[in-house]
C-alpha atoms as a PDB file:
ATOM      1  CA  MET A   1      24.416-117.190  41.300  1.00  0.00           C
ATOM      2  CA  ARG A   2      21.912-120.086  39.660  1.00  0.00           C
ATOM      3  CA  GLU A   3      18.466-120.666  39.247  1.00  0.00           C
ATOM      4  CA  VAL A   4      16.456-123.497  41.516  1.00  0.00           C
ATOM      5  CA  GLU A   5      12.708-124.699  41.499  1.00  0.00           C
ATOM      6  CA  ILE A   6      11.982-125.496  44.928  1.00  0.00           C
ATOM      7  CA  SER A   7       8.626-127.845  45.602  1.00  0.00           C
ATOM      8  CA  PHE A   8       6.558-129.373  48.098  1.00  0.00           C
ATOM      9  CA  LEU A   9       3.800-131.534  46.884  1.00  0.00           C
ATOM     10  CA  GLU A  10       2.890-133.135  48.923  1.00  0.00           C
ATOM     11  CA  LYS A  11      -0.703-131.916  51.041  1.00  0.00           C
ATOM     12  CA  HIS A  12      -0.273-130.911  54.106  1.00  0.00           C
ATOM     13  CA  PRO A  13      -2.429-133.914  56.799  1.00  0.00           C
ATOM     14  CA  TRP A  14      -4.327-130.247  57.491  1.00  0.00           C
ATOM     15  CA  GLU A  15      -5.066-129.823  53.782  1.00  0.00           C
ATOM     16  CA  ALA A  16      -6.601-133.311  53.642  1.00  0.00           C
ATOM     17  CA  ALA A  17      -8.041-133.021  56.669  1.00  0.00           C
ATOM     18  CA  ASN A  18      -9.885-129.414  55.788  1.00  0.00           C
ATOM     19  CA  HIS A  19     -10.004-129.518  51.546  1.00  0.00           C
ATOM     20  CA  GLU A  20      -7.561-126.859  50.949  1.00  0.00           C
ATOM     21  CA  SER A  21      -5.062-125.206  50.718  1.00  0.00           C
ATOM     22  CA  MET A  22      -2.807-123.372  53.383  1.00  0.00           C
ATOM     23  CA  TRP A  23      -0.557-120.604  52.725  1.00  0.00           C
ATOM     24  CA  TYR A  24       3.637-120.933  53.832  1.00  0.00           C
ATOM     25  CA  THR A  25       5.722-118.527  54.485  1.00  0.00           C
ATOM     26  CA  LEU A  26       9.406-119.487  52.969  1.00  0.00           C
ATOM     27  CA  VAL A  27      12.691-118.692  55.085  1.00  0.00           C
ATOM     28  CA  TRP A  28      15.641-118.662  53.072  1.00  0.00           C
ATOM     29  CA  ILE A  29      19.872-117.728  53.346  1.00  0.00           C
ATOM     30  CA  ASP A  30      20.700-115.327  50.194  1.00  0.00           C
ATOM     31  CA  ALA A  31      24.007-114.472  48.731  1.00  0.00           C
ATOM     32  CA  LYS A  32      24.121-111.874  51.652  1.00  0.00           C
ATOM     33  CA  GLY A  33      23.877-114.492  54.337  1.00  0.00           C
ATOM     34  CA  ASN A  34      20.553-113.045  55.780  1.00  0.00           C
ATOM     35  CA  LEU A  35      17.914-115.284  56.331  1.00  0.00           C
ATOM     36  CA  VAL A  36      14.870-114.135  54.388  1.00  0.00           C
ATOM     37  CA  GLN A  37      11.719-115.102  53.766  1.00  0.00           C
ATOM     38  CA  ARG A  38       8.484-115.338  50.753  1.00  0.00           C
ATOM     39  CA  HIS A  39       4.702-115.552  51.604  1.00  0.00           C
ATOM     40  CA  MET A  40       3.074-118.403  49.429  1.00  0.00           C
ATOM     41  CA  ILE A  41      -0.415-117.844  48.799  1.00  0.00           C
ATOM     42  CA  ARG A  42      -2.712-120.499  49.477  1.00  0.00           C
ATOM     43  CA  GLY A  43      -2.345-123.075  46.226  1.00  0.00           C
ATOM     44  CA  ASP A  44       1.583-121.603  45.917  1.00  0.00           C
ATOM     45  CA  ARG A  45       3.708-124.889  46.088  1.00  0.00           C
ATOM     46  CA  LYS A  46       6.330-124.230  43.687  1.00  0.00           C
ATOM     47  CA  VAL A  47       8.987-121.180  43.512  1.00  0.00           C
ATOM     48  CA  THR A  48      12.367-120.308  42.004  1.00  0.00           C
ATOM     49  CA  LEU A  49      14.989-118.446  42.770  1.00  0.00           C
ATOM     50  CA  CYS A  50      18.846-117.603  42.453  1.00  0.00           C
ATOM     51  CA  VAL A  51      21.041-118.746  45.149  1.00  0.00           C
ATOM     52  CA  PRO A  52      24.793-118.462  45.326  1.00  0.00           C
ATOM     53  CA  ARG A  53      26.045-121.442  43.575  1.00  0.00           C
ATOM     54  CA  SER A  54      29.079-122.253  45.976  1.00  0.00           C
ATOM     55  CA  GLN A  55      27.006-123.323  49.129  1.00  0.00           C
ATOM     56  CA  THR A  56      25.030-124.929  50.658  1.00  0.00           C
ATOM     57  CA  THR A  57      21.114-124.011  51.153  1.00  0.00           C
ATOM     58  CA  VAL A  58      18.246-124.560  53.155  1.00  0.00           C
ATOM     59  CA  PHE A  59      15.067-124.609  52.985  1.00  0.00           C
ATOM     60  CA  CYS A  60      11.939-124.380  55.356  1.00  0.00           C
ATOM     61  CA  ALA A  61       8.192-123.735  54.061  1.00  0.00           C
ATOM     62  CA  TYR A  62       5.841-123.074  56.833  1.00  0.00           C
ATOM     63  CA  PRO A  63       2.449-123.950  56.506  1.00  0.00           C
ATOM     64  CA  LEU A  64       0.276-120.775  58.684  1.00  0.00           C
ATOM     65  CA  GLY A  65       4.160-118.616  58.618  1.00  0.00           C
ATOM     66  CA  LEU A  66       4.101-120.779  61.894  1.00  0.00           C
ATOM     67  CA  PHE A  67       4.040-124.465  61.838  1.00  0.00           C
ATOM     68  CA  HIS A  68       6.213-127.560  61.984  1.00  0.00           C
ATOM     69  CA  PRO A  69       7.865-126.658  58.563  1.00  0.00           C
ATOM     70  CA  PHE A  70       8.294-128.657  54.925  1.00  0.00           C
ATOM     71  CA  GLY A  71      11.893-128.542  54.273  1.00  0.00           C
ATOM     72  CA  GLY A  72      15.547-129.799  52.545  1.00  0.00           C
ATOM     73  CA  ALA A  73      18.441-128.208  50.865  1.00  0.00           C
ATOM     74  CA  CYS A  74      20.081-127.037  47.700  1.00  0.00           C
ATOM     75  CA  THR A  75      23.917-127.883  47.249  1.00  0.00           C
ATOM     76  CA  PRO A  76      26.875-127.500  44.874  1.00  0.00           C
ATOM     77  CA  THR A  77      26.587-130.628  44.057  1.00  0.00           C
ATOM     78  CA  GLY A  78      23.155-131.032  43.761  1.00  0.00           C
ATOM     79  CA  THR A  79      21.007-130.636  41.017  1.00  0.00           C
ATOM     80  CA  ASN A  80      18.233-127.613  40.618  1.00  0.00           C
ATOM     81  CA  LYS A  81      15.037-128.656  41.719  1.00  0.00           C
ATOM     82  CA  VAL A  82      14.587-129.047  45.498  1.00  0.00           C
ATOM     83  CA  MET A  83      11.292-131.006  46.993  1.00  0.00           C
ATOM     84  CA  LEU A  84      11.201-130.168  50.456  1.00  0.00           C
ATOM     85  CA  SER A  85       9.549-132.705  52.923  1.00  0.00           C
ATOM     86  CA  GLN A  86       7.580-132.725  55.771  1.00  0.00           C
ATOM     87  CA  LYS A  87      10.259-135.563  57.495  1.00  0.00           C
ATOM     88  CA  GLN A  88      13.354-133.071  56.249  1.00  0.00           C
ATOM     89  CA  GLY A  89      11.998-130.321  58.393  1.00  0.00           C
ATOM     90  CA  VAL A  90      13.362-130.708  61.824  1.00  0.00           C
ATOM     91  CA  VAL A  91      17.319-130.900  60.404  1.00  0.00           C
ATOM     92  CA  SER A  92      16.612-128.004  58.157  1.00  0.00           C
ATOM     93  CA  SER A  93      14.532-125.696  60.999  1.00  0.00           C
ATOM     94  CA  MET A  94      17.626-126.907  63.375  1.00  0.00           C
ATOM     95  CA  LEU A  95      20.061-125.402  60.759  1.00  0.00           C
ATOM     96  CA  LEU A  96      18.241-122.432  60.500  1.00  0.00           C
ATOM     97  CA  ASP A  97      18.422-122.037  64.160  1.00  0.00           C
ATOM     98  CA  ALA A  98      21.520-122.626  64.255  1.00  0.00           C
ATOM     99  CA  TYR A  99      22.796-120.577  61.293  1.00  0.00           C
ATOM    100  CA  HIS A 100      23.252-116.845  63.456  1.00  0.00           C
ATOM    101  CA  LEU A 101      25.649-119.239  65.750  1.00  0.00           C
ATOM    102  CA  GLY A 102      27.643-120.526  62.679  1.00  0.00           C
ATOM    103  CA  PRO A 103      27.018-119.054  59.770  1.00  0.00           C
ATOM    104  CA  GLU A 104      30.195-120.955  58.275  1.00  0.00           C
ATOM    105  CA  ALA A 105      28.726-124.489  59.208  1.00  0.00           C
ATOM    106  CA  VAL A 106      25.406-124.073  58.302  1.00  0.00           C
ATOM    107  CA  MET A 107      27.010-122.912  54.511  1.00  0.00           C
ATOM    108  CA  ARG A 108      29.010-125.439  53.981  1.00  0.00           C
ATOM    109  CA  VAL A 109      27.066-128.771  56.357  1.00  0.00           C
ATOM    110  CA  ASN A 110      27.743-131.784  53.611  1.00  0.00           C
ATOM    111  CA  TYR A 111      23.281-132.034  53.869  1.00  0.00           C
ATOM    112  CA  ALA A 112      23.446-134.954  51.748  1.00  0.00           C
ATOM    113  CA  PHE A 113      25.354-136.111  53.903  1.00  0.00           C
ATOM    114  CA  LEU A 114      22.563-135.398  57.417  1.00  0.00           C
ATOM    115  CA  GLU A 115      19.541-135.679  54.372  1.00  0.00           C
ATOM    116  CA  GLN A 116      20.015-139.314  54.121  1.00  0.00           C
ATOM    117  CA  GLN A 117      21.009-140.056  57.736  1.00  0.00           C
ATOM    118  CA  VAL A 118      17.494-138.263  58.487  1.00  0.00           C
ATOM    119  CA  GLU A 119      16.273-141.087  55.637  1.00  0.00           C
ATOM    120  CA  ASN A 120      17.534-144.044  56.919  1.00  0.00           C
ATOM    121  CA  LEU A 121      15.971-143.196  60.719  1.00  0.00           C
ATOM    122  CA  ALA A 122      13.707-146.482  61.588  1.00  0.00           C
ATOM    123  CA  GLY A 123      11.821-144.156  64.322  1.00  0.00           C
ATOM    124  CA  ASP A 124      10.192-140.909  64.314  1.00  0.00           C
ATOM    125  CA  VAL A 125      12.096-137.453  63.338  1.00  0.00           C
ATOM    126  CA  SER A 126      11.229-135.859  66.125  1.00  0.00           C
ATOM    127  CA  CYS A 127      13.034-137.956  68.456  1.00  0.00           C
ATOM    128  CA  LEU A 128      16.241-136.740  67.307  1.00  0.00           C
ATOM    129  CA  ASP A 129      18.135-135.095  69.685  1.00  0.00           C
ATOM    130  CA  THR A 130      18.996-131.811  67.531  1.00  0.00           C
ATOM    131  CA  ALA A 131      20.754-129.974  70.402  1.00  0.00           C
ATOM    132  CA  SER A 132      23.036-132.588  70.483  1.00  0.00           C
ATOM    133  CA  MET A 133      23.762-132.261  66.594  1.00  0.00           C
ATOM    134  CA  SER A 134      23.897-128.207  66.554  1.00  0.00           C
ATOM    135  CA  LYS A 135      26.303-127.997  69.234  1.00  0.00           C
ATOM    136  CA  ASP A 136      28.623-131.184  66.796  1.00  0.00           C
ATOM    137  CA  LEU A 137      27.261-129.043  64.178  1.00  0.00           C
ATOM    138  CA  LEU A 138      29.408-125.714  65.423  1.00  0.00           C
ATOM    139  CA  ASN A 139      32.487-127.343  67.104  1.00  0.00           C
ATOM    140  CA  GLY A 140      33.061-128.334  63.773  1.00  0.00           C
ATOM    141  CA  ALA A 141      32.454-132.500  64.670  1.00  0.00           C
ATOM    142  CA  LEU A 142      29.273-133.844  62.843  1.00  0.00           C
ATOM    143  CA  CYS A 143      29.944-137.320  61.892  1.00  0.00           C
ATOM    144  CA  TYR A 144      27.509-140.202  62.414  1.00  0.00           C
ATOM    145  CA  ASP A 145      27.489-140.500  66.146  1.00  0.00           C
ATOM    146  CA  SER A 146      25.665-137.046  66.062  1.00  0.00           C
ATOM    147  CA  PHE A 147      22.703-138.424  65.695  1.00  0.00           C
ATOM    148  CA  LYS A 148      21.214-139.286  68.942  1.00  0.00           C
ATOM    149  CA  ILE A 149      17.332-141.333  69.196  1.00  0.00           C
ATOM    150  CA  HIS A 150      16.024-140.116  72.418  1.00  0.00           C
ATOM    151  CA  ALA A 151      12.990-142.395  73.162  1.00  0.00           C
ATOM    152  CA  PRO A 152       9.791-141.507  72.750  1.00  0.00           C
ATOM    153  CA  LEU A 153       6.996-139.793  75.348  1.00  0.00           C
ATOM    154  CA  ASP A 154       4.291-141.440  76.834  1.00  0.00           C
ATOM    155  CA  LEU A 155       1.502-139.354  77.369  1.00  0.00           C
ATOM    156  CA  SER A 156      -2.409-139.320  78.459  1.00  0.00           C
ATOM    157  CA  VAL A 157      -3.906-136.272  77.400  1.00  0.00           C
ATOM    158  CA  THR A 158      -7.510-135.505  79.272  1.00  0.00           C
ATOM    159  CA  ASP A 159     -10.107-132.924  79.663  1.00  0.00           C
ATOM    160  CA  ILE A 160     -10.196-131.675  76.163  1.00  0.00           C
ATOM    161  CA  PRO A 161     -13.642-131.074  74.261  1.00  0.00           C
ATOM    162  CA  ASP A 162     -14.606-134.482  72.043  1.00  0.00           C
ATOM    163  CA  GLY A 163     -13.661-135.003  68.551  1.00  0.00           C
ATOM    164  CA  TYR A 164     -11.160-136.072  66.269  1.00  0.00           C
ATOM    165  CA  TRP A 165      -7.981-133.542  65.778  1.00  0.00           C
ATOM    166  CA  VAL A 166      -5.438-134.047  63.819  1.00  0.00           C
ATOM    167  CA  ALA A 167      -2.147-133.604  64.112  1.00  0.00           C
ATOM    168  CA  GLU A 168      -0.091-131.768  61.878  1.00  0.00           C
ATOM    169  CA  ARG A 169       3.261-133.591  61.821  1.00  0.00           C
ATOM    170  CA  GLU A 170       3.050-136.837  58.976  1.00  0.00           C
ATOM    171  CA  GLN A 171       4.137-138.684  61.982  1.00  0.00           C
ATOM    172  CA  ASP A 172       2.240-137.995  64.528  1.00  0.00           C
ATOM    173  CA  PRO A 173      -0.455-140.472  65.295  1.00  0.00           C
ATOM    174  CA  SER A 174      -4.616-138.557  64.958  1.00  0.00           C
ATOM    175  CA  PHE A 175      -7.221-139.544  67.555  1.00  0.00           C
ATOM    176  CA  TRP A 176     -10.711-140.148  68.710  1.00  0.00           C
ATOM    177  CA  SER A 177     -11.325-137.457  71.728  1.00  0.00           C
ATOM    178  CA  TYR A 178     -14.998-138.936  73.222  1.00  0.00           C
ATOM    179  CA  TYR A 179     -17.435-136.814  76.319  1.00  0.00           C
ATOM    180  CA  ASP A 180     -16.755-138.722  79.284  1.00  0.00           C
ATOM    181  CA  HIS A 181     -13.399-140.544  78.791  1.00  0.00           C
ATOM    182  CA  GLU A 182     -10.254-141.256  80.863  1.00  0.00           C
ATOM    183  CA  GLY A 183      -7.481-140.077  77.688  1.00  0.00           C
ATOM    184  CA  VAL A 184      -6.531-140.644  75.169  1.00  0.00           C
ATOM    185  CA  MET A 185      -2.179-142.210  75.165  1.00  0.00           C
ATOM    186  CA  LEU A 186       0.242-140.679  72.311  1.00  0.00           C
ATOM    187  CA  GLU A 187       3.660-141.419  71.786  1.00  0.00           C
ATOM    188  CA  LEU A 188       5.636-138.293  70.451  1.00  0.00           C
ATOM    189  CA  GLY A 189       8.852-137.541  70.054  1.00  0.00           C
ATOM    190  CA  GLY A 190      10.415-133.987  71.535  1.00  0.00           C
ATOM    191  CA  GLY A 191       9.458-130.699  70.053  1.00  0.00           C
ATOM    192  CA  MET A 192       6.077-128.732  70.108  1.00  0.00           C
ATOM    193  CA  HIS A 193       3.062-130.890  68.597  1.00  0.00           C
ATOM    194  CA  CYS A 194      -0.492-129.782  67.331  1.00  0.00           C
ATOM    195  CA  PHE A 195      -3.713-131.045  66.888  1.00  0.00           C
ATOM    196  CA  TRP A 196      -6.284-129.717  65.247  1.00  0.00           C
ATOM    197  CA  ASN A 197     -10.818-130.222  65.799  1.00  0.00           C
ATOM    198  CA  ARG A 198     -12.289-129.145  62.664  1.00  0.00           C
ATOM    199  CA  GLU A 199     -15.692-128.915  63.786  1.00  0.00           C
ATOM    200  CA  SER A 200     -15.040-127.532  67.500  1.00  0.00           C
ATOM    201  CA  SER A 201     -12.325-125.051  65.838  1.00  0.00           C
ATOM    202  CA  LEU A 202      -9.551-125.477  68.524  1.00  0.00           C
ATOM    203  CA  LEU A 203      -5.688-126.101  68.296  1.00  0.00           C
ATOM    204  CA  LEU A 204      -4.258-128.274  70.766  1.00  0.00           C
ATOM    205  CA  LYS A 205      -0.960-127.359  72.310  1.00  0.00           C
ATOM    206  CA  ILE A 206       1.843-130.515  73.008  1.00  0.00           C
ATOM    207  CA  TYR A 207       5.711-129.814  73.709  1.00  0.00           C
ATOM    208  CA  VAL A 208       7.590-132.344  75.106  1.00  0.00           C
ATOM    209  CA  ASP A 209      10.718-132.427  76.721  1.00  0.00           C
ATOM    210  CA  LEU A 210      12.596-135.832  75.961  1.00  0.00           C
ATOM    211  CA  LYS A 211      15.693-135.156  77.788  1.00  0.00           C
ATOM    212  CA  GLU A 212      14.071-133.808  80.933  1.00  0.00           C
ATOM    213  CA  ARG A 213      10.599-137.032  79.723  1.00  0.00           C
ATOM    214  CA  THR A 214       8.275-134.501  80.400  1.00  0.00           C
ATOM    215  CA  SER A 215       5.238-132.854  78.674  1.00  0.00           C
ATOM    216  CA  PHE A 216       3.802-129.033  78.287  1.00  0.00           C
ATOM    217  CA  THR A 217      -0.327-128.731  76.981  1.00  0.00           C
ATOM    218  CA  SER A 218      -2.597-125.440  76.246  1.00  0.00           C
ATOM    219  CA  LEU A 219      -5.450-125.632  74.515  1.00  0.00           C
ATOM    220  CA  GLN A 220      -6.409-122.554  72.073  1.00  0.00           C
ATOM    221  CA  ASN A 221      -8.092-121.455  68.855  1.00  0.00           C
ATOM    222  CA  GLY A 222      -7.821-122.920  65.611  1.00  0.00           C
ATOM    223  CA  PRO A 223      -5.716-121.929  62.937  1.00  0.00           C
ATOM    224  CA  LEU A 224      -6.915-119.285  60.006  1.00  0.00           C
ATOM    225  CA  PHE A 225      -6.225-120.816  57.019  1.00  0.00           C
END
């Protein structure tokens, strides 16, 4: 076992908009192979944990316990300080989701290779075909060709209250919606995308399926900080 310092110092877009920190749920795999959670109170952005020295340990910090995470990992040959980021959240959450299907594949993954490929991407990380990546990972065939990028989906958002909608992901565009406006055009990658209207206390959720080229939209009460 060894001690590692996990931190995520960059501000979430909603924290910047609300001038207030959020609480997070940190999830990782412990020495016994269990997925464990730790509640991190507002303003708590750094923690020291003991993890297995001989395996890759993946971390995800979920804002308010359920939104797009900050992600990262420590590896057997890596440093004892791990900085989580939103950009790595896509791959890290994919690895945690794949863990119950192939724990050995996740614990032995070359995360430095994954991290470098994600950093080299020119486009939106949410356009990654994570299903294909997960399949290759579990089959022991993860390579450069596993990083397939879909084209983002163009969609029009209509019939939502006016005001400023703040995107939860750094790579998504925040936007203004106006009364009697024809709609707002967005270009989004795959998965769930959330936009918060602080003045109306509403949350716009858009799920995008890049393979089927479809999207689903819902409106609900805003998150509680």
